[in-house]
C-alpha atoms as a PDB file:
ATOM      1  CA  MET A   1      -1.669   1.201  27.629  1.00  0.00           C
ATOM      2  CA  SER A   2      -1.630   5.155  28.401  1.00  0.00           C
ATOM      3  CA  VAL A   3      -5.315   6.643  27.540  1.00  0.00           C
ATOM      4  CA  ASN A   4      -2.808   9.714  25.279  1.00  0.00           C
ATOM      5  CA  ARG A   5      -0.982   7.180  22.596  1.00  0.00           C
ATOM      6  CA  TYR A   6      -2.754   8.905  19.975  1.00  0.00           C
ATOM      7  CA  THR A   7      -3.666  12.128  21.433  1.00  0.00           C
ATOM      8  CA  ARG A   8      -1.847  13.773  18.893  1.00  0.00           C
ATOM      9  CA  GLN A   9      -3.411  12.736  15.531  1.00  0.00           C
ATOM     10  CA  GLN A  10      -6.891  13.044  17.656  1.00  0.00           C
ATOM     11  CA  ILE A  11      -6.123  16.537  17.558  1.00  0.00           C
ATOM     12  CA  ILE A  12      -7.080  16.788  13.901  1.00  0.00           C
ATOM     13  CA  GLN A  13      -9.911  17.398  12.037  1.00  0.00           C
ATOM     14  CA  GLY A  14     -11.553  14.011  11.143  1.00  0.00           C
ATOM     15  CA  TYR A  15      -8.866  11.800  12.735  1.00  0.00           C
ATOM     16  CA  GLN A  16     -10.551  12.008  15.898  1.00  0.00           C
ATOM     17  CA  ASP A  17     -11.184   8.469  16.058  1.00  0.00           C
ATOM     18  CA  ILE A  18      -9.268   7.121  13.252  1.00  0.00           C
ATOM     19  CA  ASP A  19      -7.334   4.963  16.068  1.00  0.00           C
ATOM     20  CA  LYS A  20     -10.608   3.074  16.521  1.00  0.00           C
ATOM     21  CA  LYS A  21     -11.623   2.827  12.887  1.00  0.00           C
ATOM     22  CA  LEU A  22      -7.757   1.625  12.108  1.00  0.00           C
ATOM     23  CA  GLY A  23      -8.517  -1.027  14.344  1.00  0.00           C
ATOM     24  CA  GLN A  24     -11.912  -2.527  13.687  1.00  0.00           C
ATOM     25  CA  GLN A  25      -9.821  -3.160   9.669  1.00  0.00           C
ATOM     26  CA  ARG A  26      -7.651  -5.791   8.442  1.00  0.00           C
ATOM     27  CA  ILE A  27      -5.496  -4.417   6.494  1.00  0.00           C
ATOM     28  CA  ALA A  28      -3.448  -6.496   3.325  1.00  0.00           C
ATOM     29  CA  ILE A  29       0.329  -4.978   2.469  1.00  0.00           C
ATOM     30  CA  VAL A  30       1.985  -6.640  -0.159  1.00  0.00           C
ATOM     31  CA  GLY A  31       5.650  -5.523   0.094  1.00  0.00           C
ATOM     32  CA  CYS A  32       7.272  -4.771   3.419  1.00  0.00           C
ATOM     33  CA  GLY A  33      10.898  -3.160   2.075  1.00  0.00           C
ATOM     34  CA  GLY A  34      11.341   0.483   1.071  1.00  0.00           C
ATOM     35  CA  LEU A  35       8.112   1.044   0.859  1.00  0.00           C
ATOM     36  CA  GLY A  36       5.342  -1.537   2.838  1.00  0.00           C
ATOM     37  CA  GLY A  37       7.659  -2.188   5.979  1.00  0.00           C
ATOM     38  CA  LEU A  38       7.750   2.227   6.959  1.00  0.00           C
ATOM     39  CA  CYS A  39       4.281   2.433   5.603  1.00  0.00           C
ATOM     40  CA  SER A  40       3.200  -0.638   8.110  1.00  0.00           C
ATOM     41  CA  TYR A  41       4.893   0.624  11.033  1.00  0.00           C
ATOM     42  CA  LEU A  42       3.394   4.082  10.204  1.00  0.00           C
ATOM     43  CA  LEU A  43       0.228   2.090  10.218  1.00  0.00           C
ATOM     44  CA  VAL A  44       0.365   0.342  13.277  1.00  0.00           C
ATOM     45  CA  GLY A  45       1.733   3.357  15.062  1.00  0.00           C
ATOM     46  CA  ALA A  46      -1.589   5.099  14.417  1.00  0.00           C
ATOM     47  CA  GLY A  47      -3.760   1.947  15.468  1.00  0.00           C
ATOM     48  CA  ALA A  48      -4.410  -0.273  12.632  1.00  0.00           C
ATOM     49  CA  LEU A  49      -3.522  -3.402  14.674  1.00  0.00           C
ATOM     50  CA  ASN A  50      -4.326  -6.218  12.092  1.00  0.00           C
ATOM     51  CA  ILE A  51      -2.286  -6.298   9.287  1.00  0.00           C
ATOM     52  CA  ASN A  52      -1.528  -9.194   6.804  1.00  0.00           C
ATOM     53  CA  ILE A  53       1.906  -8.780   4.710  1.00  0.00           C
ATOM     54  CA  ALA A  54       3.242 -10.474   2.327  1.00  0.00           C
ATOM     55  CA  ASP A  55       6.864 -10.421   0.847  1.00  0.00           C
ATOM     56  CA  TYR A  56       9.339 -13.542  -0.525  1.00  0.00           C
ATOM     57  CA  ASP A  57      12.150 -11.493   0.266  1.00  0.00           C
ATOM     58  CA  HIS A  58      15.172 -11.885   2.316  1.00  0.00           C
ATOM     59  CA  ILE A  59      17.133  -8.756   3.620  1.00  0.00           C
ATOM     60  CA  ASP A  60      20.317  -8.146   2.052  1.00  0.00           C
ATOM     61  CA  GLU A  61      22.810  -5.180   3.293  1.00  0.00           C
ATOM     62  CA  SER A  62      22.305  -3.641  -0.284  1.00  0.00           C
ATOM     63  CA  ASN A  63      18.909  -3.120   1.728  1.00  0.00           C
ATOM     64  CA  LEU A  64      19.378  -0.886   4.719  1.00  0.00           C
ATOM     65  CA  HIS A  65      20.300   2.326   3.289  1.00  0.00           C
ATOM     66  CA  ARG A  66      16.488   2.893   2.271  1.00  0.00           C
ATOM     67  CA  GLN A  67      14.425  -0.542   4.407  1.00  0.00           C
ATOM     68  CA  ILE A  68      14.941   1.180   7.672  1.00  0.00           C
ATOM     69  CA  LEU A  69      13.069  -0.769   9.690  1.00  0.00           C
ATOM     70  CA  TYR A  70      15.914  -3.796   9.212  1.00  0.00           C
ATOM     71  CA  ARG A  71      19.784  -3.672  10.735  1.00  0.00           C
ATOM     72  CA  GLU A  72      22.954  -5.158   9.550  1.00  0.00           C
ATOM     73  CA  LYS A  73      21.598  -8.391  12.052  1.00  0.00           C
ATOM     74  CA  ASP A  74      18.747  -8.984   9.933  1.00  0.00           C
ATOM     75  CA  ILE A  75      20.840  -9.304   6.935  1.00  0.00           C
ATOM     76  CA  GLY A  76      19.960 -13.208   5.456  1.00  0.00           C
ATOM     77  CA  GLU A  77      16.423 -13.350   6.987  1.00  0.00           C
ATOM     78  CA  SER A  78      13.284 -12.924   6.551  1.00  0.00           C
ATOM     79  CA  LYS A  79      11.569  -9.448   5.527  1.00  0.00           C
ATOM     80  CA  VAL A  80       8.157 -10.419   6.727  1.00  0.00           C
ATOM     81  CA  ASN A  81       9.290 -12.060  10.055  1.00  0.00           C
ATOM     82  CA  CYS A  82      11.242  -9.435  10.579  1.00  0.00           C
ATOM     83  CA  CYS A  83       9.068  -7.034   9.999  1.00  0.00           C
ATOM     84  CA  LYS A  84       6.436  -8.561  12.018  1.00  0.00           C
ATOM     85  CA  HIS A  85       9.233  -8.492  15.395  1.00  0.00           C
ATOM     86  CA  GLU A  86       9.347  -4.885  15.116  1.00  0.00           C
ATOM     87  CA  LEU A  87       5.510  -4.288  15.193  1.00  0.00           C
ATOM     88  CA  LYS A  88       4.959  -6.002  17.621  1.00  0.00           C
ATOM     89  CA  LYS A  89       7.906  -4.331  19.008  1.00  0.00           C
ATOM     90  CA  LEU A  90       5.939  -1.327  18.348  1.00  0.00           C
ATOM     91  CA  ASP A  91       2.974  -2.284  19.870  1.00  0.00           C
ATOM     92  CA  ARG A  92       2.374  -5.528  21.343  1.00  0.00           C
ATOM     93  CA  ARG A  93      -1.286  -5.780  20.606  1.00  0.00           C
ATOM     94  CA  ALA A  94      -0.283  -5.878  17.171  1.00  0.00           C
ATOM     95  CA  ASN A  95      -2.011  -9.031  15.433  1.00  0.00           C
ATOM     96  CA  VAL A  96      -0.295  -9.582  12.083  1.00  0.00           C
ATOM     97  CA  ASN A  97      -0.034 -12.332   9.795  1.00  0.00           C
ATOM     98  CA  THR A  98       3.187 -12.657   7.555  1.00  0.00           C
ATOM     99  CA  PHE A  99       3.016 -14.515   4.010  1.00  0.00           C
ATOM    100  CA  ASN A 100       6.467 -15.279   2.913  1.00  0.00           C
ATOM    101  CA  ASN A 101       5.535 -16.289  -0.478  1.00  0.00           C
ATOM    102  CA  LYS A 102       4.246 -14.700  -3.976  1.00  0.00           C
ATOM    103  CA  ILE A 103       0.896 -13.934  -3.793  1.00  0.00           C
ATOM    104  CA  THR A 104      -1.169 -15.913  -6.474  1.00  0.00           C
ATOM    105  CA  GLN A 105      -4.805 -16.113  -7.255  1.00  0.00           C
ATOM    106  CA  GLU A 106      -4.375 -19.585  -5.215  1.00  0.00           C
ATOM    107  CA  ASN A 107      -3.121 -17.528  -1.958  1.00  0.00           C
ATOM    108  CA  PHE A 108      -4.731 -13.949  -2.629  1.00  0.00           C
ATOM    109  CA  LEU A 109      -8.554 -14.907  -0.124  1.00  0.00           C
ATOM    110  CA  ASP A 110      -6.295 -16.157   1.880  1.00  0.00           C
ATOM    111  CA  PHE A 111      -4.044 -13.635   2.130  1.00  0.00           C
ATOM    112  CA  THR A 112      -6.732 -10.415   2.103  1.00  0.00           C
ATOM    113  CA  LYS A 113      -9.868 -12.515   4.391  1.00  0.00           C
ATOM    114  CA  ASN A 114     -11.607 -10.193   6.060  1.00  0.00           C
ATOM    115  CA  CYS A 115      -9.831  -7.450   4.432  1.00  0.00           C
ATOM    116  CA  ARG A 116     -11.191  -4.455   2.391  1.00  0.00           C
ATOM    117  CA  LEU A 117      -8.613  -2.527   1.477  1.00  0.00           C
ATOM    118  CA  VAL A 118      -4.704  -3.895   0.081  1.00  0.00           C
ATOM    119  CA  LEU A 119      -1.506  -1.943  -0.534  1.00  0.00           C
ATOM    120  CA  ASP A 120       0.497  -2.703  -3.081  1.00  0.00           C
ATOM    121  CA  LEU A 121       3.324  -1.835  -2.407  1.00  0.00           C
ATOM    122  CA  SER A 122       5.584  -4.028  -4.136  1.00  0.00           C
ATOM    123  CA  ASP A 123       8.853  -3.479  -6.316  1.00  0.00           C
ATOM    124  CA  ASN A 124       8.158  -5.106  -9.919  1.00  0.00           C
ATOM    125  CA  MET A 125       5.434  -4.578 -12.525  1.00  0.00           C
ATOM    126  CA  GLU A 126       4.509  -8.004 -12.908  1.00  0.00           C
ATOM    127  CA  THR A 127       3.547  -8.677  -9.079  1.00  0.00           C
ATOM    128  CA  ARG A 128       1.441  -4.754  -9.547  1.00  0.00           C
ATOM    129  CA  LEU A 129      -0.595  -5.929 -12.284  1.00  0.00           C
ATOM    130  CA  SER A 130      -1.759  -9.160 -10.848  1.00  0.00           C
ATOM    131  CA  ILE A 131      -2.305  -7.452  -7.593  1.00  0.00           C
ATOM    132  CA  ASN A 132      -4.446  -4.909  -9.320  1.00  0.00           C
ATOM    133  CA  ARG A 133      -6.080  -7.991 -11.143  1.00  0.00           C
ATOM    134  CA  LEU A 134      -7.047  -9.462  -8.695  1.00  0.00           C
ATOM    135  CA  CYS A 135      -8.446  -6.892  -6.791  1.00  0.00           C
ATOM    136  CA  TYR A 136     -10.129  -5.705  -9.184  1.00  0.00           C
ATOM    137  CA  LYS A 137     -12.076  -9.632  -9.695  1.00  0.00           C
ATOM    138  CA  HIS A 138     -13.104  -9.680  -6.036  1.00  0.00           C
ATOM    139  CA  LYS A 139     -13.791  -6.015  -5.646  1.00  0.00           C
ATOM    140  CA  ILE A 140     -11.735  -4.931  -2.550  1.00  0.00           C
ATOM    141  CA  ASP A 141     -10.018  -1.372  -2.285  1.00  0.00           C
ATOM    142  CA  LEU A 142      -6.574  -0.998  -3.723  1.00  0.00           C
ATOM    143  CA  ILE A 143      -4.747   1.780  -2.888  1.00  0.00           C
ATOM    144  CA  HIS A 144      -1.075   1.514  -5.130  1.00  0.00           C
ATOM    145  CA  ALA A 145       2.677   3.567  -4.262  1.00  0.00           C
ATOM    146  CA  SER A 146       5.534   3.253  -6.527  1.00  0.00           C
ATOM    147  CA  VAL A 147       9.051   4.666  -6.830  1.00  0.00           C
ATOM    148  CA  THR A 148      11.085   4.729  -9.725  1.00  0.00           C
ATOM    149  CA  GLY A 149      14.482   6.854  -9.343  1.00  0.00           C
ATOM    150  CA  GLU A 150      13.202  10.609  -8.505  1.00  0.00           C
ATOM    151  CA  ASN A 151       9.894   9.835  -9.856  1.00  0.00           C
ATOM    152  CA  ALA A 152       6.945   8.528  -7.182  1.00  0.00           C
ATOM    153  CA  LEU A 153       3.323   7.418  -8.350  1.00  0.00           C
ATOM    154  CA  LEU A 154      -0.102   6.815  -5.703  1.00  0.00           C
ATOM    155  CA  SER A 155      -3.174   6.331  -6.277  1.00  0.00           C
ATOM    156  CA  TYR A 156      -6.089   4.882  -4.732  1.00  0.00           C
ATOM    157  CA  PHE A 157      -8.894   2.439  -6.703  1.00  0.00           C
ATOM    158  CA  LYS A 158     -12.311   1.591  -5.038  1.00  0.00           C
ATOM    159  CA  PHE A 159     -13.083  -1.988  -6.828  1.00  0.00           C
ATOM    160  CA  SER A 160     -16.079  -2.016  -4.272  1.00  0.00           C
ATOM    161  CA  ASP A 161     -17.910   0.794  -6.298  1.00  0.00           C
ATOM    162  CA  PRO A 162     -18.967  -0.317  -9.922  1.00  0.00           C
ATOM    163  CA  ASP A 163     -19.179   3.724 -10.651  1.00  0.00           C
ATOM    164  CA  PHE A 164     -15.682   4.173  -9.876  1.00  0.00           C
ATOM    165  CA  ILE A 165     -14.764   0.820 -11.906  1.00  0.00           C
ATOM    166  CA  SER A 166     -17.002   2.441 -14.578  1.00  0.00           C
ATOM    167  CA  LYS A 167     -15.612   5.693 -14.428  1.00  0.00           C
ATOM    168  CA  TYR A 168     -11.701   5.602 -13.860  1.00  0.00           C
ATOM    169  CA  GLY A 169     -10.981   2.005 -14.275  1.00  0.00           C
ATOM    170  CA  CYS A 170      -8.014   0.076 -12.962  1.00  0.00           C
ATOM    171  CA  TYR A 171      -4.441   0.193 -12.511  1.00  0.00           C
ATOM    172  CA  GLU A 172      -3.777  -1.410 -15.619  1.00  0.00           C
ATOM    173  CA  CYS A 173      -5.733   1.740 -17.454  1.00  0.00           C
ATOM    174  CA  LEU A 174      -2.905   4.040 -16.294  1.00  0.00           C
ATOM    175  CA  ALA A 175       0.348   1.359 -16.234  1.00  0.00           C
ATOM    176  CA  GLY A 176      -0.303  -0.613 -19.442  1.00  0.00           C
ATOM    177  CA  GLU A 177      -0.777  -4.647 -19.997  1.00  0.00           C
ATOM    178  CA  ASN A 178       3.318  -4.949 -21.244  1.00  0.00           C
ATOM    179  CA  ALA A 179       4.626  -2.313 -18.841  1.00  0.00           C
ATOM    180  CA  THR A 180       8.059  -2.824 -17.780  1.00  0.00           C
ATOM    181  CA  ILE A 181      10.171  -1.070 -14.959  1.00  0.00           C
ATOM    182  CA  LYS A 182      13.574   0.464 -16.664  1.00  0.00           C
ATOM    183  CA  PRO A 183      16.122  -0.606 -13.510  1.00  0.00           C
ATOM    184  CA  ASN A 184      16.545   2.802 -11.336  1.00  0.00           C
ATOM    185  CA  GLY A 185      18.376   4.060  -8.592  1.00  0.00           C
ATOM    186  CA  ILE A 186      16.233   5.200  -5.237  1.00  0.00           C
ATOM    187  CA  THR A 187      17.391   6.344  -1.730  1.00  0.00           C
ATOM    188  CA  GLY A 188      16.018   6.272   1.311  1.00  0.00           C
ATOM    189  CA  PRO A 189      14.261   9.686   1.850  1.00  0.00           C
ATOM    190  CA  TYR A 190      12.405   8.435  -1.368  1.00  0.00           C
ATOM    191  CA  ALA A 191      10.930   5.545   0.036  1.00  0.00           C
ATOM    192  CA  SER A 192      10.127   7.074   3.326  1.00  0.00           C
ATOM    193  CA  ALA A 193       8.595   9.920   2.112  1.00  0.00           C
ATOM    194  CA  VAL A 194       6.290   7.915  -0.453  1.00  0.00           C
ATOM    195  CA  SER A 195       5.466   5.842   2.288  1.00  0.00           C
ATOM    196  CA  ALA A 196       4.372   8.065   4.951  1.00  0.00           C
ATOM    197  CA  PHE A 197       2.032   9.760   1.409  1.00  0.00           C
ATOM    198  CA  ALA A 198       0.931   5.861   1.165  1.00  0.00           C
ATOM    199  CA  ALA A 199       0.155   5.546   5.296  1.00  0.00           C
ATOM    200  CA  ASN A 200      -1.629   9.085   5.508  1.00  0.00           C
ATOM    201  CA  LEU A 201      -3.747   7.969   2.245  1.00  0.00           C
ATOM    202  CA  THR A 202      -4.877   4.830   3.563  1.00  0.00           C
ATOM    203  CA  MET A 203      -6.262   6.457   7.120  1.00  0.00           C
ATOM    204  CA  GLN A 204      -7.964   8.743   5.008  1.00  0.00           C
ATOM    205  CA  VAL A 205      -9.958   5.208   3.244  1.00  0.00           C
ATOM    206  CA  VAL A 206     -10.654   4.175   6.777  1.00  0.00           C
ATOM    207  CA  SER A 207     -12.225   6.954   8.253  1.00  0.00           C
ATOM    208  CA  ASP A 208     -13.580   7.968   4.470  1.00  0.00           C
ATOM    209  CA  ILE A 209     -12.564  11.555   4.087  1.00  0.00           C
ATOM    210  CA  ILE A 210     -11.092  10.857   0.261  1.00  0.00           C
ATOM    211  CA  GLN A 211     -13.944  11.599  -1.430  1.00  0.00           C
ATOM    212  CA  ASP A 212     -11.621  14.620  -3.218  1.00  0.00           C
ATOM    213  CA  LYS A 213      -9.184  11.930  -4.058  1.00  0.00           C
ATOM    214  CA  LEU A 214     -11.294   9.435  -5.573  1.00  0.00           C
ATOM    215  CA  GLY A 215     -10.206   9.057  -9.500  1.00  0.00           C
ATOM    216  CA  LYS A 216      -7.048  10.930  -9.187  1.00  0.00           C
ATOM    217  CA  ILE A 217      -3.302   9.796  -9.205  1.00  0.00           C
ATOM    218  CA  TYR A 218      -0.653  11.662  -7.478  1.00  0.00           C
ATOM    219  CA  LEU A 219       2.620  11.940  -9.639  1.00  0.00           C
ATOM    220  CA  PHE A 220       5.730  13.190  -7.059  1.00  0.00           C
ATOM    221  CA  ASP A 221       8.599  14.650  -8.720  1.00  0.00           C
ATOM    222  CA  LEU A 222      10.787  13.868  -5.578  1.00  0.00           C
ATOM    223  CA  LYS A 223      14.028  16.047  -7.126  1.00  0.00           C
ATOM    224  CA  LYS A 224      12.388  19.260  -7.525  1.00  0.00           C
ATOM    225  CA  PHE A 225       9.539  18.497  -5.103  1.00  0.00           C
ATOM    226  CA  ALA A 226       6.714  18.740  -6.680  1.00  0.00           C
ATOM    227  CA  ILE A 227       3.375  16.693  -7.036  1.00  0.00           C
ATOM    228  CA  LYS A 228       0.849  16.967  -9.654  1.00  0.00           C
ATOM    229  CA  SER A 229      -2.486  15.275  -9.321  1.00  0.00           C
ATOM    230  CA  PHE A 230      -4.628  14.425 -12.857  1.00  0.00           C
ATOM    231  CA  SER A 231      -7.858  12.023 -13.172  1.00  0.00           C
ATOM    232  CA  LEU A 232      -7.577   8.478 -13.905  1.00  0.00           C
ATOM    233  CA  LYS A 233      -9.411   7.731 -16.869  1.00  0.00           C
ATOM    234  CA  LYS A 234     -10.812   4.264 -18.177  1.00  0.00           C
ATOM    235  CA  SER A 235      -9.280   2.389 -21.143  1.00  0.00           C
ATOM    236  CA  LEU A 236     -11.700   0.641 -22.882  1.00  0.00           C
ATOM    237  CA  GLN A 237      -8.723  -1.175 -24.340  1.00  0.00           C
ATOM    238  CA  CYS A 238      -7.761  -2.610 -21.024  1.00  0.00           C
ATOM    239  CA  LYS A 239      -7.978  -6.428 -20.745  1.00  0.00           C
ATOM    240  CA  CYS A 240      -8.934  -6.418 -16.930  1.00  0.00           C
ATOM    241  CA  CYS A 241     -11.522  -3.764 -17.067  1.00  0.00           C
ATOM    242  CA  GLY A 242     -11.858  -2.725 -20.395  1.00  0.00           C
ATOM    243  CA  ASN A 243     -15.229  -4.636 -20.903  1.00  0.00           C
ATOM    244  CA  TYR A 244     -16.410  -4.142 -17.266  1.00  0.00           C
ATOM    245  CA  LYS A 245     -20.163  -4.146 -17.834  1.00  0.00           C
ATOM    246  CA  GLU A 246     -22.278  -3.247 -14.420  1.00  0.00           C
ATOM    247  CA  LYS A 247     -24.576  -6.154 -13.613  1.00  0.00           C
END
């Protein structure tokens, strides 16, 4: 393996050892479609060689305009299997565990075994709320990224820190327990842009250069190329974490 594989990212301040730090972690990713596919590819490229990926969907022709890991020949195939194949082609050292089923309370601990971080890159609200509750319950840190039409959201929930929970709450505080998603469009560039931000946020979390982003939610206006940040706020009425009390 070339010693120069990570040279260009190692030049960046704070990223000198990012490949080593990523290589020492196992990261769990929910969804390997428009967001999760490219995000997992970018992370493996950066040195994250221990990845768990979960998706119970199969590749459809309508996916191809934005899910850039897949080709026409892959139509009808399992997304996680094709994703793993592409990740191994990028770096043969990649250790990729696939979960070709829905992540639930029953299999969550298997999915997150030895993981300190979960990326929720799913495309439906039921999964997002469920993953949030499971990460909160088991105190596993969570990165959430999503795209709806021309708008996107990105945030990091440090559930391993009781002080974070008591101050900033969880994803359900933000979305609400009855949140729904209206059918909307998405372009390949929109999905790719948010995938890249989610991958870089993951690298910053693993490198512990995240302090200025704790408790922040980033809202993207992808049409105007604008990003705004707001402070997360715990909801005392949240049925996931609203009754949280530090022991």
